[in-house]
Each structure stands twice: as C-alpha cells, then as structure tokens.
C-alpha cells in the first residue's frame, strides 16, 4: 500500500476532517491488513491503492459529521455497523473516534475471523465483532442488540428498503441510521417510503459527498414487534416494495 495520497489529504482538508497524530499511520496499517487478507478472501474489488484511500478510508470518514452531531467527540456513542465485511466504514471510524464504541455485525465466519484479526493487530480496544445476522440480533424479545445503538451504519447492504429493515430495529428510539449509498439514493428512498413508515423511521436528510451519498434515517418510535422478519426474508421480499 502507498501512504495517504494528496487527493485523500485534500479531500479531508476540504471536508474539515483533521486527523490526530498517528491516525494516518494507523489507517495505512488497516489498508495493508485489508489488502493482505484480500489475497485469499474477497473483501474488496478496488485494486488501485490511491483509489482505496478515497473509496475506503475517506468514504468512511464522511460519516464523522454525523457522529459529531449525535455526540460531540464521539463520547459514549454506541455504533453498530451491519454487514461489516472487510471493516468499512467501522474500522476507519473506530481509529479516528476512540471515545465511541463500535460493534461490527457480520454473518460470514471467515470475515469475522479477519475482522477480529484486524482489530487485534490495530490494537482497537473500542471495537467488538459479533458473528450473527441482523435479523437475529434485531428480533423482538430474542435479539440481544435490539434498541441498543445511537448510530447504525451500513454500506453495500442492499437497497434502502432492505437496509432499513435490517438496521432500524437495532437503533434506540431517536437513534440515527446512516446508509452509504450511490447515485440511486433518491430512487431507492422513493421505493422505501412504505418500509420506513412500517418501521417507524423517517428520512431526515441526504448528504452528498465526494465518494457517494449518505442517506440519514431517524427512528421515531419503537420498531413493531414483527420486524425484522426471518433470516433472508428482507432481501428476498423487500418490505413495502411491490413485486413487478
């Protein structure tokens, strides 16, 4: 891997993101671990090293203003990253937000092993990895993580209606869900209107960033007991979306 690129540094400066001493080196170390693991396990399709600084690290750091709005300096903030995969956005955020607590929720055993390896190698004491599905952890009565988090994040978790059903139950009442999306964010939000209503969540804003769009949802009331549905069902039959 190459050290932090000028493009990355300029993007951080423009966004008002100031890294503390040692954090660029730790972010670099994370990328090295990610790409070393990627040789045997498919964690990222991005091969260009300079692109990795923007599409993995900077893309994750675009969530910092959301964190700051919920809890200045990230103090006592509880964050859950759903479908963590290779650890983006959670691990870069954990590196630069040491006062916040991060739970990485991942269903694939091999990826869980790698995430634990990353956490150990980077010395991240504010991160825990949970090998489970969002449908189980968010389930009424049996889900241990339901109604727990101030912020729930997700990237590449599926269309907004799917991601919302998986993420909203994990947030506390009044909590925020931040979805890293692409250019189809508006189209997906229109499709997810009914799902958000059923989940007792609202769209509170969309933030354009140099690497994508952040869709911000707020959980206004407790999620109805019937959501999330059983394993795989949110993806097979997205909530509130009419079959074509």
C-alpha atoms as a PDB file:
ATOM      1  CA  UNK A   1       0.000   0.000   0.000  1.00  0.00           C
ATOM      2  CA  UNK A   2       1.015   3.618  -0.522  1.00  0.00           C
ATOM      3  CA  UNK A   3       0.832   6.206   2.293  1.00  0.00           C
ATOM      4  CA  UNK A   4      -2.048   8.705   2.412  1.00  0.00           C
ATOM      5  CA  UNK A   5      -2.372  10.330  -1.011  1.00  0.00           C
ATOM      6  CA  UNK A   6      -2.535  14.043  -1.755  1.00  0.00           C
ATOM      7  CA  UNK A   7      -6.079  13.505  -3.059  1.00  0.00           C
ATOM      8  CA  UNK A   8      -7.080  11.991   0.274  1.00  0.00           C
ATOM      9  CA  UNK A   9      -5.396  14.776   2.257  1.00  0.00           C
ATOM     10  CA  UNK A  10      -7.012  17.466   0.111  1.00  0.00           C
ATOM     11  CA  UNK A  11     -10.433  15.826   0.445  1.00  0.00           C
ATOM     12  CA  UNK A  12     -10.049  15.713   4.242  1.00  0.00           C
ATOM     13  CA  UNK A  13      -8.999  19.363   4.336  1.00  0.00           C
ATOM     14  CA  UNK A  14     -11.963  20.416   2.190  1.00  0.00           C
ATOM     15  CA  UNK A  15     -14.355  18.416   4.404  1.00  0.00           C
ATOM     16  CA  UNK A  16     -12.852  19.857   7.583  1.00  0.00           C
ATOM     17  CA  UNK A  17     -11.574  16.468   8.731  1.00  0.00           C
ATOM     18  CA  UNK A  18      -8.472  16.803  10.913  1.00  0.00           C
ATOM     19  CA  UNK A  19      -6.618  13.614  11.783  1.00  0.00           C
ATOM     20  CA  UNK A  20      -4.717  13.335  15.053  1.00  0.00           C
ATOM     21  CA  UNK A  21      -1.017  12.382  15.113  1.00  0.00           C
ATOM     22  CA  UNK A  22      -0.658   8.653  14.454  1.00  0.00           C
ATOM     23  CA  UNK A  23      -4.087   8.206  12.861  1.00  0.00           C
ATOM     24  CA  UNK A  24      -2.899   8.382   9.204  1.00  0.00           C
ATOM     25  CA  UNK A  25      -0.336   5.676  10.007  1.00  0.00           C
ATOM     26  CA  UNK A  26      -2.991   3.510  11.665  1.00  0.00           C
ATOM     27  CA  UNK A  27      -5.343   3.957   8.695  1.00  0.00           C
ATOM     28  CA  UNK A  28      -2.459   2.949   6.440  1.00  0.00           C
ATOM     29  CA  UNK A  29      -1.856  -0.133   8.596  1.00  0.00           C
ATOM     30  CA  UNK A  30      -5.539  -1.045   8.270  1.00  0.00           C
ATOM     31  CA  UNK A  31      -5.381  -0.841   4.466  1.00  0.00           C
ATOM     32  CA  UNK A  32      -2.295  -3.058   4.464  1.00  0.00           C
ATOM     33  CA  UNK A  33      -4.141  -5.652   6.560  1.00  0.00           C
ATOM     34  CA  UNK A  34      -7.228  -5.407   4.349  1.00  0.00           C
ATOM     35  CA  UNK A  35      -5.302  -5.976   1.131  1.00  0.00           C
ATOM     36  CA  UNK A  36      -3.175  -8.729   2.611  1.00  0.00           C
ATOM     37  CA  UNK A  37      -6.376 -10.567   3.608  1.00  0.00           C
ATOM     38  CA  UNK A  38      -7.923  -9.807   0.212  1.00  0.00           C
ATOM     39  CA  UNK A  39      -5.381 -12.122  -1.414  1.00  0.00           C
ATOM     40  CA  UNK A  40      -7.234 -15.128  -0.014  1.00  0.00           C
ATOM     41  CA  UNK A  41     -10.709 -13.766   0.857  1.00  0.00           C
ATOM     42  CA  UNK A  42     -12.775 -11.465  -1.352  1.00  0.00           C
ATOM     43  CA  UNK A  43     -13.153  -8.312   0.745  1.00  0.00           C
ATOM     44  CA  UNK A  44     -12.789  -5.559  -1.861  1.00  0.00           C
ATOM     45  CA  UNK A  45     -12.855  -5.230  -5.633  1.00  0.00           C
ATOM     46  CA  UNK A  46     -10.854  -1.982  -5.547  1.00  0.00           C
ATOM     47  CA  UNK A  47      -7.322  -2.713  -6.713  1.00  0.00           C
ATOM     48  CA  UNK A  48      -5.870   0.778  -7.180  1.00  0.00           C
ATOM     49  CA  UNK A  49      -4.096   1.874  -3.991  1.00  0.00           C
ATOM     50  CA  UNK A  50      -4.806   5.595  -4.343  1.00  0.00           C
ATOM     51  CA  UNK A  51      -8.453   4.787  -5.055  1.00  0.00           C
ATOM     52  CA  UNK A  52      -8.535   2.727  -1.843  1.00  0.00           C
ATOM     53  CA  UNK A  53      -7.663   5.809   0.216  1.00  0.00           C
ATOM     54  CA  UNK A  54     -10.670   7.623  -1.230  1.00  0.00           C
ATOM     55  CA  UNK A  55     -13.244   4.839  -1.623  1.00  0.00           C
ATOM     56  CA  UNK A  56     -12.490   3.056   1.635  1.00  0.00           C
ATOM     57  CA  UNK A  57     -10.910   5.494   4.085  1.00  0.00           C
ATOM     58  CA  UNK A  58     -12.309   8.871   3.057  1.00  0.00           C
ATOM     59  CA  UNK A  59     -15.692   7.311   2.259  1.00  0.00           C
ATOM     60  CA  UNK A  60     -15.840   6.038   5.852  1.00  0.00           C
ATOM     61  CA  UNK A  61     -14.714   9.364   7.308  1.00  0.00           C
ATOM     62  CA  UNK A  62     -17.583  11.206   5.598  1.00  0.00           C
ATOM     63  CA  UNK A  63     -19.668   9.850   8.489  1.00  0.00           C
ATOM     64  CA  UNK A  64     -17.715  11.901  11.046  1.00  0.00           C
ATOM     65  CA  UNK A  65     -20.071  14.927  10.818  1.00  0.00           C
ATOM     66  CA  UNK A  66     -22.987  12.576  11.552  1.00  0.00           C
ATOM     67  CA  UNK A  67     -21.170  11.234  14.604  1.00  0.00           C
ATOM     68  CA  UNK A  68     -20.312  14.764  15.761  1.00  0.00           C
ATOM     69  CA  UNK A  69     -23.948  15.823  15.526  1.00  0.00           C
ATOM     70  CA  UNK A  70     -25.104  12.913  17.675  1.00  0.00           C
ATOM     71  CA  UNK A  71     -22.307  13.111  20.246  1.00  0.00           C
ATOM     72  CA  UNK A  72     -19.528  15.722  20.118  1.00  0.00           C
ATOM     73  CA  UNK A  73     -16.127  13.981  20.271  1.00  0.00           C
ATOM     74  CA  UNK A  74     -17.994  10.663  19.998  1.00  0.00           C
ATOM     75  CA  UNK A  75     -18.148  10.345  23.786  1.00  0.00           C
ATOM     76  CA  UNK A  76     -20.099   7.292  24.976  1.00  0.00           C
ATOM     77  CA  UNK A  77     -21.524   6.851  21.452  1.00  0.00           C
ATOM     78  CA  UNK A  78     -22.679   3.300  20.668  1.00  0.00           C
ATOM     79  CA  UNK A  79     -22.348   2.430  16.972  1.00  0.00           C
ATOM     80  CA  UNK A  80     -23.311  -0.748  15.125  1.00  0.00           C
ATOM     81  CA  UNK A  81     -22.014  -1.465  11.615  1.00  0.00           C
ATOM     82  CA  UNK A  82     -24.261  -4.003   9.883  1.00  0.00           C
ATOM     83  CA  UNK A  83     -22.699  -6.396   7.385  1.00  0.00           C
ATOM     84  CA  UNK A  84     -19.186  -5.168   8.145  1.00  0.00           C
ATOM     85  CA  UNK A  85     -17.419  -7.367   5.579  1.00  0.00           C
ATOM     86  CA  UNK A  86     -13.862  -6.036   5.427  1.00  0.00           C
ATOM     87  CA  UNK A  87     -14.500  -3.393   8.073  1.00  0.00           C
ATOM     88  CA  UNK A  88     -15.559  -0.291   6.114  1.00  0.00           C
ATOM     89  CA  UNK A  89     -16.781   2.116   7.419  1.00  0.00           C
ATOM     90  CA  UNK A  90     -16.474   0.887  11.012  1.00  0.00           C
ATOM     91  CA  UNK A  91     -12.743   0.308  11.420  1.00  0.00           C
ATOM     92  CA  UNK A  92     -11.563   3.639   9.953  1.00  0.00           C
ATOM     93  CA  UNK A  93     -14.188   5.370  12.103  1.00  0.00           C
ATOM     94  CA  UNK A  94     -13.075   3.478  15.192  1.00  0.00           C
ATOM     95  CA  UNK A  95      -9.479   4.555  14.575  1.00  0.00           C
ATOM     96  CA  UNK A  96     -10.374   8.258  14.491  1.00  0.00           C
ATOM     97  CA  UNK A  97     -13.182   8.079  17.121  1.00  0.00           C
ATOM     98  CA  UNK A  98     -11.552   6.296  20.081  1.00  0.00           C
ATOM     99  CA  UNK A  99     -14.204   7.537  22.542  1.00  0.00           C
ATOM    100  CA  UNK A 100     -17.026   5.770  20.684  1.00  0.00           C
ATOM    101  CA  UNK A 101     -17.859   2.060  20.983  1.00  0.00           C
ATOM    102  CA  UNK A 102     -18.251   0.076  17.756  1.00  0.00           C
ATOM    103  CA  UNK A 103     -19.998  -3.254  17.264  1.00  0.00           C
ATOM    104  CA  UNK A 104     -19.238  -4.925  13.925  1.00  0.00           C
ATOM    105  CA  UNK A 105     -22.058  -7.271  12.953  1.00  0.00           C
ATOM    106  CA  UNK A 106     -21.049  -9.839  10.338  1.00  0.00           C
ATOM    107  CA  UNK A 107     -22.679 -13.156   9.416  1.00  0.00           C
ATOM    108  CA  UNK A 108     -19.828 -14.820   7.493  1.00  0.00           C
ATOM    109  CA  UNK A 109     -17.469 -16.729   9.757  1.00  0.00           C
ATOM    110  CA  UNK A 110     -14.303 -16.192   7.699  1.00  0.00           C
ATOM    111  CA  UNK A 111     -14.890 -12.433   7.587  1.00  0.00           C
ATOM    112  CA  UNK A 112     -15.456 -12.422  11.338  1.00  0.00           C
ATOM    113  CA  UNK A 113     -12.067 -14.100  11.807  1.00  0.00           C
ATOM    114  CA  UNK A 114     -10.409 -11.448   9.661  1.00  0.00           C
ATOM    115  CA  UNK A 115     -12.195  -8.579  11.403  1.00  0.00           C
ATOM    116  CA  UNK A 116     -11.020  -9.891  14.772  1.00  0.00           C
ATOM    117  CA  UNK A 117      -7.500 -10.154  13.339  1.00  0.00           C
ATOM    118  CA  UNK A 118      -7.647  -6.529  12.119  1.00  0.00           C
ATOM    119  CA  UNK A 119      -8.915  -5.321  15.489  1.00  0.00           C
ATOM    120  CA  UNK A 120      -6.185  -7.184  17.372  1.00  0.00           C
ATOM    121  CA  UNK A 121      -3.373  -6.070  15.059  1.00  0.00           C
ATOM    122  CA  UNK A 122      -4.509  -2.438  15.191  1.00  0.00           C
ATOM    123  CA  UNK A 123      -4.975  -2.516  18.962  1.00  0.00           C
ATOM    124  CA  UNK A 124      -8.548  -1.229  18.782  1.00  0.00           C
ATOM    125  CA  UNK A 125      -9.981  -1.561  22.277  1.00  0.00           C
ATOM    126  CA  UNK A 126     -13.214   0.222  21.299  1.00  0.00           C
ATOM    127  CA  UNK A 127     -14.333  -2.450  18.802  1.00  0.00           C
ATOM    128  CA  UNK A 128     -16.137  -5.762  19.245  1.00  0.00           C
ATOM    129  CA  UNK A 129     -17.086  -8.192  16.475  1.00  0.00           C
ATOM    130  CA  UNK A 130     -20.322 -10.184  16.577  1.00  0.00           C
ATOM    131  CA  UNK A 131     -20.805 -13.239  14.342  1.00  0.00           C
ATOM    132  CA  UNK A 132     -24.536 -13.084  13.666  1.00  0.00           C
ATOM    133  CA  UNK A 133     -27.247 -11.779  11.361  1.00  0.00           C
ATOM    134  CA  UNK A 134     -29.108  -8.511  11.773  1.00  0.00           C
ATOM    135  CA  UNK A 135     -32.421 -10.393  11.569  1.00  0.00           C
ATOM    136  CA  UNK A 136     -31.489 -12.353  14.700  1.00  0.00           C
ATOM    137  CA  UNK A 137     -29.848  -9.581  16.690  1.00  0.00           C
ATOM    138  CA  UNK A 138     -32.719  -7.192  15.989  1.00  0.00           C
ATOM    139  CA  UNK A 139     -35.533  -9.652  16.643  1.00  0.00           C
ATOM    140  CA  UNK A 140     -38.131  -8.734  19.260  1.00  0.00           C
ATOM    141  CA  UNK A 141     -37.597 -10.477  22.643  1.00  0.00           C
ATOM    142  CA  UNK A 142     -34.705 -12.686  21.424  1.00  0.00           C
ATOM    143  CA  UNK A 143     -32.456 -10.125  19.723  1.00  0.00           C
ATOM    144  CA  UNK A 144     -29.664  -9.091  22.090  1.00  0.00           C
ATOM    145  CA  UNK A 145     -28.829  -5.920  20.155  1.00  0.00           C
ATOM    146  CA  UNK A 146     -32.345  -4.608  19.509  1.00  0.00           C
ATOM    147  CA  UNK A 147     -32.992  -0.971  20.565  1.00  0.00           C
ATOM    148  CA  UNK A 148     -29.339  -0.562  21.580  1.00  0.00           C
ATOM    149  CA  UNK A 149     -27.415   1.863  19.364  1.00  0.00           C
ATOM    150  CA  UNK A 150     -27.196   5.620  18.948  1.00  0.00           C
ATOM    151  CA  UNK A 151     -25.984   5.138  15.372  1.00  0.00           C
ATOM    152  CA  UNK A 152     -26.313   2.235  12.946  1.00  0.00           C
ATOM    153  CA  UNK A 153     -24.225   2.285   9.775  1.00  0.00           C
ATOM    154  CA  UNK A 154     -24.194   0.169   6.632  1.00  0.00           C
ATOM    155  CA  UNK A 155     -22.510   0.139   3.259  1.00  0.00           C
ATOM    156  CA  UNK A 156     -23.407  -2.165   0.360  1.00  0.00           C
ATOM    157  CA  UNK A 157     -26.164  -3.828   2.383  1.00  0.00           C
ATOM    158  CA  UNK A 158     -28.731  -3.753  -0.407  1.00  0.00           C
ATOM    159  CA  UNK A 159     -31.400  -1.285  -1.437  1.00  0.00           C
ATOM    160  CA  UNK A 160     -32.686   1.174   1.154  1.00  0.00           C
ATOM    161  CA  UNK A 161     -35.872  -0.771   1.930  1.00  0.00           C
ATOM    162  CA  UNK A 162     -33.764  -3.850   2.738  1.00  0.00           C
ATOM    163  CA  UNK A 163     -31.088  -1.989   4.695  1.00  0.00           C
ATOM    164  CA  UNK A 164     -33.710  -0.126   6.710  1.00  0.00           C
ATOM    165  CA  UNK A 165     -35.433  -3.312   7.882  1.00  0.00           C
ATOM    166  CA  UNK A 166     -32.083  -4.745   8.977  1.00  0.00           C
ATOM    167  CA  UNK A 167     -30.758  -1.580  10.637  1.00  0.00           C
ATOM    168  CA  UNK A 168     -33.697   0.306  12.179  1.00  0.00           C
ATOM    169  CA  UNK A 169     -34.566  -2.334  14.829  1.00  0.00           C
ATOM    170  CA  UNK A 170     -31.005  -2.133  16.176  1.00  0.00           C
ATOM    171  CA  UNK A 171     -31.199   1.626  16.812  1.00  0.00           C
ATOM    172  CA  UNK A 172     -32.563   3.066  20.028  1.00  0.00           C
ATOM    173  CA  UNK A 173     -35.671   5.202  19.864  1.00  0.00           C
ATOM    174  CA  UNK A 174     -34.494   8.521  18.450  1.00  0.00           C
ATOM    175  CA  UNK A 175     -31.360   6.861  17.075  1.00  0.00           C
ATOM    176  CA  UNK A 176     -29.850   7.510  13.650  1.00  0.00           C
ATOM    177  CA  UNK A 177     -29.260   5.150  10.737  1.00  0.00           C
ATOM    178  CA  UNK A 178     -26.628   6.259   8.201  1.00  0.00           C
ATOM    179  CA  UNK A 179     -26.540   4.365   4.907  1.00  0.00           C
ATOM    180  CA  UNK A 180     -23.649   4.905   2.498  1.00  0.00           C
ATOM    181  CA  UNK A 181     -25.307   4.856  -0.924  1.00  0.00           C
ATOM    182  CA  UNK A 182     -24.604   5.717  -4.548  1.00  0.00           C
ATOM    183  CA  UNK A 183     -26.334   7.838  -7.156  1.00  0.00           C
ATOM    184  CA  UNK A 184     -29.573   5.820  -6.966  1.00  0.00           C
ATOM    185  CA  UNK A 185     -30.222   7.031  -3.419  1.00  0.00           C
ATOM    186  CA  UNK A 186     -33.291   9.112  -4.354  1.00  0.00           C
ATOM    187  CA  UNK A 187     -34.822   6.300  -6.380  1.00  0.00           C
ATOM    188  CA  UNK A 188     -34.281   3.850  -3.517  1.00  0.00           C
ATOM    189  CA  UNK A 189     -35.770   6.259  -0.984  1.00  0.00           C
ATOM    190  CA  UNK A 190     -38.926   6.641  -3.065  1.00  0.00           C
ATOM    191  CA  UNK A 191     -39.176   2.855  -3.219  1.00  0.00           C
ATOM    192  CA  UNK A 192     -38.634   2.616   0.565  1.00  0.00           C
ATOM    193  CA  UNK A 193     -41.355   5.062   1.646  1.00  0.00           C
ATOM    194  CA  UNK A 194     -43.763   2.360   2.768  1.00  0.00           C
ATOM    195  CA  UNK A 195     -40.990   0.404   4.507  1.00  0.00           C
ATOM    196  CA  UNK A 196     -39.896   3.427   6.532  1.00  0.00           C
ATOM    197  CA  UNK A 197     -43.492   4.075   7.600  1.00  0.00           C
ATOM    198  CA  UNK A 198     -43.903   0.448   8.722  1.00  0.00           C
ATOM    199  CA  UNK A 199     -40.605   0.532  10.626  1.00  0.00           C
ATOM    200  CA  UNK A 200     -41.427   3.859  12.357  1.00  0.00           C
ATOM    201  CA  UNK A 201     -38.494   5.646  10.730  1.00  0.00           C
ATOM    202  CA  UNK A 202     -38.221   8.818   8.679  1.00  0.00           C
ATOM    203  CA  UNK A 203     -35.773  10.145   6.114  1.00  0.00           C
ATOM    204  CA  UNK A 204     -34.121  13.132   7.769  1.00  0.00           C
ATOM    205  CA  UNK A 205     -31.704  14.081   5.007  1.00  0.00           C
ATOM    206  CA  UNK A 206     -29.320  13.059   2.237  1.00  0.00           C
ATOM    207  CA  UNK A 207     -25.733  14.307   2.252  1.00  0.00           C
ATOM    208  CA  UNK A 208     -23.719  14.440  -0.963  1.00  0.00           C
ATOM    209  CA  UNK A 209     -20.047  13.555  -0.523  1.00  0.00           C
ATOM    210  CA  UNK A 210     -17.122  13.276  -2.975  1.00  0.00           C
ATOM    211  CA  UNK A 211     -17.431   9.479  -2.862  1.00  0.00           C
ATOM    212  CA  UNK A 212     -21.203   8.931  -2.738  1.00  0.00           C
ATOM    213  CA  UNK A 213     -24.305   9.914  -0.828  1.00  0.00           C
ATOM    214  CA  UNK A 214     -25.242   9.432   2.818  1.00  0.00           C
ATOM    215  CA  UNK A 215     -28.895   8.628   3.452  1.00  0.00           C
ATOM    216  CA  UNK A 216     -29.788   9.576   7.023  1.00  0.00           C
ATOM    217  CA  UNK A 217     -32.797   7.986   8.714  1.00  0.00           C
ATOM    218  CA  UNK A 218     -34.177   8.581  12.196  1.00  0.00           C
ATOM    219  CA  UNK A 219     -36.038   6.042  14.307  1.00  0.00           C
ATOM    220  CA  UNK A 220     -39.013   7.983  15.648  1.00  0.00           C
ATOM    221  CA  UNK A 221     -40.706   5.212  17.642  1.00  0.00           C
ATOM    222  CA  UNK A 222     -40.009   1.639  18.655  1.00  0.00           C
ATOM    223  CA  UNK A 223     -39.951  -0.819  15.793  1.00  0.00           C
ATOM    224  CA  UNK A 224     -43.069  -3.022  15.587  1.00  0.00           C
ATOM    225  CA  UNK A 225     -42.515  -6.487  17.031  1.00  0.00           C
ATOM    226  CA  UNK A 226     -42.836  -8.236  13.659  1.00  0.00           C
ATOM    227  CA  UNK A 227     -39.693  -6.591  12.241  1.00  0.00           C
ATOM    228  CA  UNK A 228     -37.155  -7.595  11.183  1.00  0.00           C
ATOM    229  CA  UNK A 229     -38.579 -10.670   9.532  1.00  0.00           C
ATOM    230  CA  UNK A 230     -36.841 -14.052   9.439  1.00  0.00           C
ATOM    231  CA  UNK A 231     -33.347 -14.692   8.068  1.00  0.00           C
ATOM    232  CA  UNK A 232     -33.072 -13.710   4.424  1.00  0.00           C
ATOM    233  CA  UNK A 233     -36.656 -12.543   4.046  1.00  0.00           C
ATOM    234  CA  UNK A 234     -35.904  -8.794   3.968  1.00  0.00           C
ATOM    235  CA  UNK A 235     -33.645  -9.356   0.960  1.00  0.00           C
ATOM    236  CA  UNK A 236     -35.913 -11.899  -0.779  1.00  0.00           C
ATOM    237  CA  UNK A 237     -39.011  -9.756  -0.407  1.00  0.00           C
ATOM    238  CA  UNK A 238     -38.146  -6.103   0.382  1.00  0.00           C
ATOM    239  CA  UNK A 239     -40.586  -4.553   2.816  1.00  0.00           C
ATOM    240  CA  UNK A 240     -43.323  -2.444   1.194  1.00  0.00           C
ATOM    241  CA  UNK A 241     -41.958  -2.903  -2.339  1.00  0.00           C
ATOM    242  CA  UNK A 242     -44.476  -4.132  -4.866  1.00  0.00           C
ATOM    243  CA  UNK A 243     -43.282  -7.030  -6.982  1.00  0.00           C
ATOM    244  CA  UNK A 244     -43.071  -6.139 -10.654  1.00  0.00           C
END
